[in-house]
C-alpha atoms as a PDB file:
ATOM      1  CA  MET A   1     -13.926  -1.523 -12.045  1.00  0.00           C
ATOM      2  CA  GLU A   2     -11.450  -1.404 -14.666  1.00  0.00           C
ATOM      3  CA  PHE A   3      -8.018  -2.116 -12.517  1.00  0.00           C
ATOM      4  CA  LYS A   4      -5.824  -2.507 -15.783  1.00  0.00           C
ATOM      5  CA  SER A   5      -3.657   0.531 -15.668  1.00  0.00           C
ATOM      6  CA  LEU A   6      -3.675   1.560 -11.804  1.00  0.00           C
ATOM      7  CA  PHE A   7       0.001   0.647 -11.395  1.00  0.00           C
ATOM      8  CA  ASN A   8       2.214   2.970 -13.210  1.00  0.00           C
ATOM      9  CA  SER A   9       6.012   2.751 -12.899  1.00  0.00           C
ATOM     10  CA  GLN A  10       6.273   6.671 -13.141  1.00  0.00           C
ATOM     11  CA  LEU A  11       4.260   6.139  -9.568  1.00  0.00           C
ATOM     12  CA  MET A  12       6.680   3.771  -7.742  1.00  0.00           C
ATOM     13  CA  LYS A  13       9.471   4.500  -5.208  1.00  0.00           C
ATOM     14  CA  LEU A  14      11.311   1.415  -4.424  1.00  0.00           C
ATOM     15  CA  ASN A  15      13.910   1.412  -1.403  1.00  0.00           C
ATOM     16  CA  HIS A  16      12.693   5.203  -0.670  1.00  0.00           C
ATOM     17  CA  SER A  17      13.904   6.777   2.409  1.00  0.00           C
ATOM     18  CA  SER A  18      11.181   8.811   4.369  1.00  0.00           C
ATOM     19  CA  GLN A  19      11.807   9.765   7.886  1.00  0.00           C
ATOM     20  CA  ASN A  20       8.226   9.286   9.271  1.00  0.00           C
ATOM     21  CA  GLN A  21       4.482   9.566   7.812  1.00  0.00           C
ATOM     22  CA  GLU A  22       4.469  13.222   7.555  1.00  0.00           C
ATOM     23  CA  GLU A  23       7.324  13.574   5.457  1.00  0.00           C
ATOM     24  CA  LEU A  24       6.294  10.787   3.222  1.00  0.00           C
ATOM     25  CA  PHE A  25       2.839  11.989   2.837  1.00  0.00           C
ATOM     26  CA  GLU A  26       4.214  15.412   1.852  1.00  0.00           C
ATOM     27  CA  GLU A  27       6.409  14.048  -0.511  1.00  0.00           C
ATOM     28  CA  VAL A  28       3.793  11.753  -2.326  1.00  0.00           C
ATOM     29  CA  ALA A  29       1.570  14.625  -2.340  1.00  0.00           C
ATOM     30  CA  ARG A  30       3.689  17.350  -3.930  1.00  0.00           C
ATOM     31  CA  GLU A  31       4.750  14.734  -6.881  1.00  0.00           C
ATOM     32  CA  LEU A  32       0.994  13.814  -7.476  1.00  0.00           C
ATOM     33  CA  VAL A  33       0.099  17.476  -7.626  1.00  0.00           C
ATOM     34  CA  SER A  34       2.845  18.029 -10.152  1.00  0.00           C
ATOM     35  CA  LEU A  35       1.879  15.340 -12.296  1.00  0.00           C
ATOM     36  CA  GLU A  36      -1.742  16.586 -12.130  1.00  0.00           C
ATOM     37  CA  TYR A  37      -3.062  13.369 -10.465  1.00  0.00           C
ATOM     38  CA  VAL A  38      -4.730  15.204  -7.571  1.00  0.00           C
ATOM     39  CA  ASN A  39      -5.741  18.429  -6.450  1.00  0.00           C
ATOM     40  CA  GLU A  40      -3.994  20.984  -4.115  1.00  0.00           C
ATOM     41  CA  SER A  41      -6.109  19.740  -1.371  1.00  0.00           C
ATOM     42  CA  TYR A  42      -4.795  16.112  -1.638  1.00  0.00           C
ATOM     43  CA  GLN A  43      -2.135  16.456   1.299  1.00  0.00           C
ATOM     44  CA  GLU A  44      -4.496  18.045   3.753  1.00  0.00           C
ATOM     45  CA  ALA A  45      -7.246  15.402   2.907  1.00  0.00           C
ATOM     46  CA  LEU A  46      -5.020  12.558   3.182  1.00  0.00           C
ATOM     47  CA  VAL A  47      -3.707  13.548   6.747  1.00  0.00           C
ATOM     48  CA  GLN A  48      -7.036  14.195   7.983  1.00  0.00           C
ATOM     49  CA  ARG A  49      -8.471  10.999   6.749  1.00  0.00           C
ATOM     50  CA  GLU A  50      -5.401   9.152   8.151  1.00  0.00           C
ATOM     51  CA  GLN A  51      -6.425  10.690  11.509  1.00  0.00           C
ATOM     52  CA  SER A  52      -9.935   9.812  11.485  1.00  0.00           C
ATOM     53  CA  PHE A  53      -9.705   6.341   9.570  1.00  0.00           C
ATOM     54  CA  PRO A  54      -6.104   4.665  10.024  1.00  0.00           C
ATOM     55  CA  THR A  55      -4.958   2.726   7.093  1.00  0.00           C
ATOM     56  CA  GLY A  56      -2.087   0.443   8.598  1.00  0.00           C
ATOM     57  CA  LEU A  57      -2.953  -3.012   8.138  1.00  0.00           C
ATOM     58  CA  LYS A  58      -1.136  -6.377   8.964  1.00  0.00           C
ATOM     59  CA  THR A  59      -1.113  -9.098   6.360  1.00  0.00           C
ATOM     60  CA  ASN A  60      -0.024 -12.622   6.439  1.00  0.00           C
ATOM     61  CA  TYR A  61       3.453 -11.591   4.957  1.00  0.00           C
ATOM     62  CA  CYS A  62       4.281  -7.970   5.744  1.00  0.00           C
ATOM     63  CA  ASN A  63       2.656  -4.800   7.322  1.00  0.00           C
ATOM     64  CA  ILE A  64       1.271  -2.293   4.741  1.00  0.00           C
ATOM     65  CA  ALA A  65      -0.783   1.089   4.690  1.00  0.00           C
ATOM     66  CA  ILE A  66      -3.089   1.995   2.200  1.00  0.00           C
ATOM     67  CA  PRO A  67      -3.846   5.665   2.640  1.00  0.00           C
ATOM     68  CA  HIS A  68      -6.425   7.530   0.717  1.00  0.00           C
ATOM     69  CA  THR A  69      -8.733  10.521   0.371  1.00  0.00           C
ATOM     70  CA  ASP A  70     -12.237  11.283  -0.761  1.00  0.00           C
ATOM     71  CA  ALA A  71     -12.571  11.259  -4.589  1.00  0.00           C
ATOM     72  CA  GLU A  72     -13.229  14.921  -4.805  1.00  0.00           C
ATOM     73  CA  HIS A  73      -9.361  15.365  -4.123  1.00  0.00           C
ATOM     74  CA  VAL A  74      -8.527  13.060  -7.126  1.00  0.00           C
ATOM     75  CA  ARG A  75      -8.393  14.004 -10.620  1.00  0.00           C
ATOM     76  CA  LYS A  76      -7.520  10.648 -12.409  1.00  0.00           C
ATOM     77  CA  PRO A  77      -7.215   7.359 -10.865  1.00  0.00           C
ATOM     78  CA  PHE A  78      -3.974   5.648  -9.535  1.00  0.00           C
ATOM     79  CA  ILE A  79      -2.132   3.509  -7.171  1.00  0.00           C
ATOM     80  CA  TYR A  80       1.239   5.242  -5.800  1.00  0.00           C
ATOM     81  CA  LEU A  81       3.498   2.547  -4.426  1.00  0.00           C
ATOM     82  CA  VAL A  82       6.463   3.215  -2.030  1.00  0.00           C
ATOM     83  CA  GLN A  83       8.557   0.472  -0.947  1.00  0.00           C
ATOM     84  CA  LEU A  84      10.228   1.997   2.189  1.00  0.00           C
ATOM     85  CA  GLN A  85      13.902   1.787   3.053  1.00  0.00           C
ATOM     86  CA  ASP A  86      13.134   1.711   6.788  1.00  0.00           C
ATOM     87  CA  GLU A  87       9.756   1.058   8.799  1.00  0.00           C
ATOM     88  CA  VAL A  88       7.404   3.927   9.162  1.00  0.00           C
ATOM     89  CA  GLU A  89       4.839   3.927  12.020  1.00  0.00           C
ATOM     90  CA  PHE A  90       0.861   3.813  10.988  1.00  0.00           C
ATOM     91  CA  HIS A  91      -2.152   3.301  13.112  1.00  0.00           C
ATOM     92  CA  ASN A  92      -3.852  -0.223  12.896  1.00  0.00           C
ATOM     93  CA  MET A  93      -7.042  -0.027  10.452  1.00  0.00           C
ATOM     94  CA  GLY A  94      -8.543  -2.599  12.995  1.00  0.00           C
ATOM     95  CA  ASP A  95      -7.302  -1.076  16.110  1.00  0.00           C
ATOM     96  CA  SER A  96      -6.455   2.725  16.039  1.00  0.00           C
ATOM     97  CA  SER A  97      -4.771   2.818  19.258  1.00  0.00           C
ATOM     98  CA  GLU A  98      -2.190   0.179  17.970  1.00  0.00           C
ATOM     99  CA  GLU A  99       0.827   1.405  16.038  1.00  0.00           C
ATOM    100  CA  ILE A 100       2.298  -1.036  13.320  1.00  0.00           C
ATOM    101  CA  SER A 101       5.608  -0.411  11.635  1.00  0.00           C
ATOM    102  CA  VAL A 102       4.998  -0.663   7.793  1.00  0.00           C
ATOM    103  CA  LYS A 103       7.586  -1.060   4.900  1.00  0.00           C
ATOM    104  CA  LEU A 104       5.254  -0.994   2.242  1.00  0.00           C
ATOM    105  CA  VAL A 105       2.575   2.131   1.405  1.00  0.00           C
ATOM    106  CA  LEU A 106       0.109   2.146  -1.325  1.00  0.00           C
ATOM    107  CA  PHE A 107      -1.690   5.581  -1.901  1.00  0.00           C
ATOM    108  CA  LEU A 108      -4.835   4.819  -3.841  1.00  0.00           C
ATOM    109  CA  GLY A 109      -6.689   7.529  -5.806  1.00  0.00           C
ATOM    110  CA  ILE A 110     -10.206   6.740  -6.821  1.00  0.00           C
ATOM    111  CA  THR A 111     -12.284   8.887  -8.818  1.00  0.00           C
ATOM    112  CA  ASP A 112     -15.351   7.250  -8.409  1.00  0.00           C
ATOM    113  CA  PRO A 113     -16.281   6.575  -4.670  1.00  0.00           C
ATOM    114  CA  LYS A 114     -18.113   3.253  -4.921  1.00  0.00           C
ATOM    115  CA  ASN A 115     -14.842   1.702  -6.563  1.00  0.00           C
ATOM    116  CA  GLN A 116     -12.983   2.319  -3.488  1.00  0.00           C
ATOM    117  CA  THR A 117     -14.246  -0.453  -1.560  1.00  0.00           C
ATOM    118  CA  ILE A 118     -13.990  -2.805  -4.540  1.00  0.00           C
ATOM    119  CA  LEU A 119     -10.305  -1.784  -4.839  1.00  0.00           C
ATOM    120  CA  LEU A 120      -9.238  -1.797  -1.132  1.00  0.00           C
ATOM    121  CA  SER A 121     -10.857  -5.407  -0.868  1.00  0.00           C
ATOM    122  CA  THR A 122      -9.270  -6.651  -4.019  1.00  0.00           C
ATOM    123  CA  LEU A 123      -5.772  -5.496  -2.784  1.00  0.00           C
ATOM    124  CA  MET A 124      -6.348  -6.770   0.782  1.00  0.00           C
ATOM    125  CA  GLU A 125      -7.151 -10.107  -0.688  1.00  0.00           C
ATOM    126  CA  HIS A 126      -3.817 -10.271  -2.649  1.00  0.00           C
ATOM    127  CA  PHE A 127      -1.813  -9.259   0.200  1.00  0.00           C
ATOM    128  CA  GLN A 128      -2.917 -12.318   1.780  1.00  0.00           C
ATOM    129  CA  THR A 129      -1.161 -14.428  -1.015  1.00  0.00           C
ATOM    130  CA  GLU A 130       2.643 -15.074  -0.537  1.00  0.00           C
ATOM    131  CA  GLU A 131       3.213 -14.341  -4.150  1.00  0.00           C
ATOM    132  CA  PHE A 132       1.880 -11.041  -4.589  1.00  0.00           C
ATOM    133  CA  SER A 133       3.388  -9.704  -1.298  1.00  0.00           C
ATOM    134  CA  LYS A 134       7.020 -11.154  -2.498  1.00  0.00           C
ATOM    135  CA  THR A 135       6.386  -9.422  -5.727  1.00  0.00           C
ATOM    136  CA  MET A 136       6.087  -6.042  -3.870  1.00  0.00           C
ATOM    137  CA  PHE A 137       9.312  -6.634  -2.176  1.00  0.00           C
ATOM    138  CA  GLU A 138      11.675  -8.605  -4.554  1.00  0.00           C
ATOM    139  CA  GLU A 139      10.962  -6.860  -7.790  1.00  0.00           C
ATOM    140  CA  ILE A 140      13.800  -4.145  -8.136  1.00  0.00           C
ATOM    141  CA  ASP A 141      12.789  -3.018 -11.743  1.00  0.00           C
ATOM    142  CA  THR A 142       9.438  -0.493 -11.523  1.00  0.00           C
ATOM    143  CA  LYS A 143       8.563  -1.409 -15.226  1.00  0.00           C
ATOM    144  CA  GLN A 144       8.470  -5.258 -14.312  1.00  0.00           C
ATOM    145  CA  LEU A 145       6.833  -4.403 -10.910  1.00  0.00           C
ATOM    146  CA  GLU A 146       4.247  -2.354 -12.867  1.00  0.00           C
ATOM    147  CA  LYS A 147       3.512  -5.238 -15.398  1.00  0.00           C
ATOM    148  CA  LYS A 148       3.232  -7.952 -12.806  1.00  0.00           C
ATOM    149  CA  LEU A 149       1.055  -5.947 -10.382  1.00  0.00           C
ATOM    150  CA  ASN A 150      -1.368  -4.746 -13.177  1.00  0.00           C
ATOM    151  CA  ILE A 151      -1.647  -8.741 -14.128  1.00  0.00           C
ATOM    152  CA  PHE A 152      -2.516  -9.560 -10.311  1.00  0.00           C
ATOM    153  CA  LEU A 153      -5.160  -6.767 -10.534  1.00  0.00           C
ATOM    154  CA  THR A 154      -6.725  -8.008 -13.652  1.00  0.00           C
ATOM    155  CA  GLY A 155      -6.736 -11.651 -12.798  1.00  0.00           C
ATOM    156  CA  GLY A 156      -4.237 -12.520 -15.215  1.00  0.00           C
ATOM    157  CA  LYS A 157      -5.837 -10.743 -18.388  1.00  0.00           C
END
């Protein structure tokens, strides 16, 4: 899968304020629909999938969430990054009875289902490194963040 342009500064919110997961999902879905990245069915599909398959993840350096839907709700591939001002609760991917506080959310939009697993594992691998995790929180310019993250995803190419 070509990861070169999945991160886009237009799809980044840094130091964003959301009260809870529901509000965050609604805001992101509304924007993605207006930008024609997803279908109208996206928000409901996102909520349903999160209930069935939680996406909160503890990593070595920060807790993250990687919500996503089935490909039929996505028009064009993307990663929508939200760096939260305050933590939002997500259920743990490995233990759905556990809630974890998350400050970084990556909404994935994949149009080819077989690439979803590849992208998820690539992101999870990168999140185990301090450099990648720090970049997510320390870069304050979305254009620079876009550039740096796309370099990570492509292995520096």
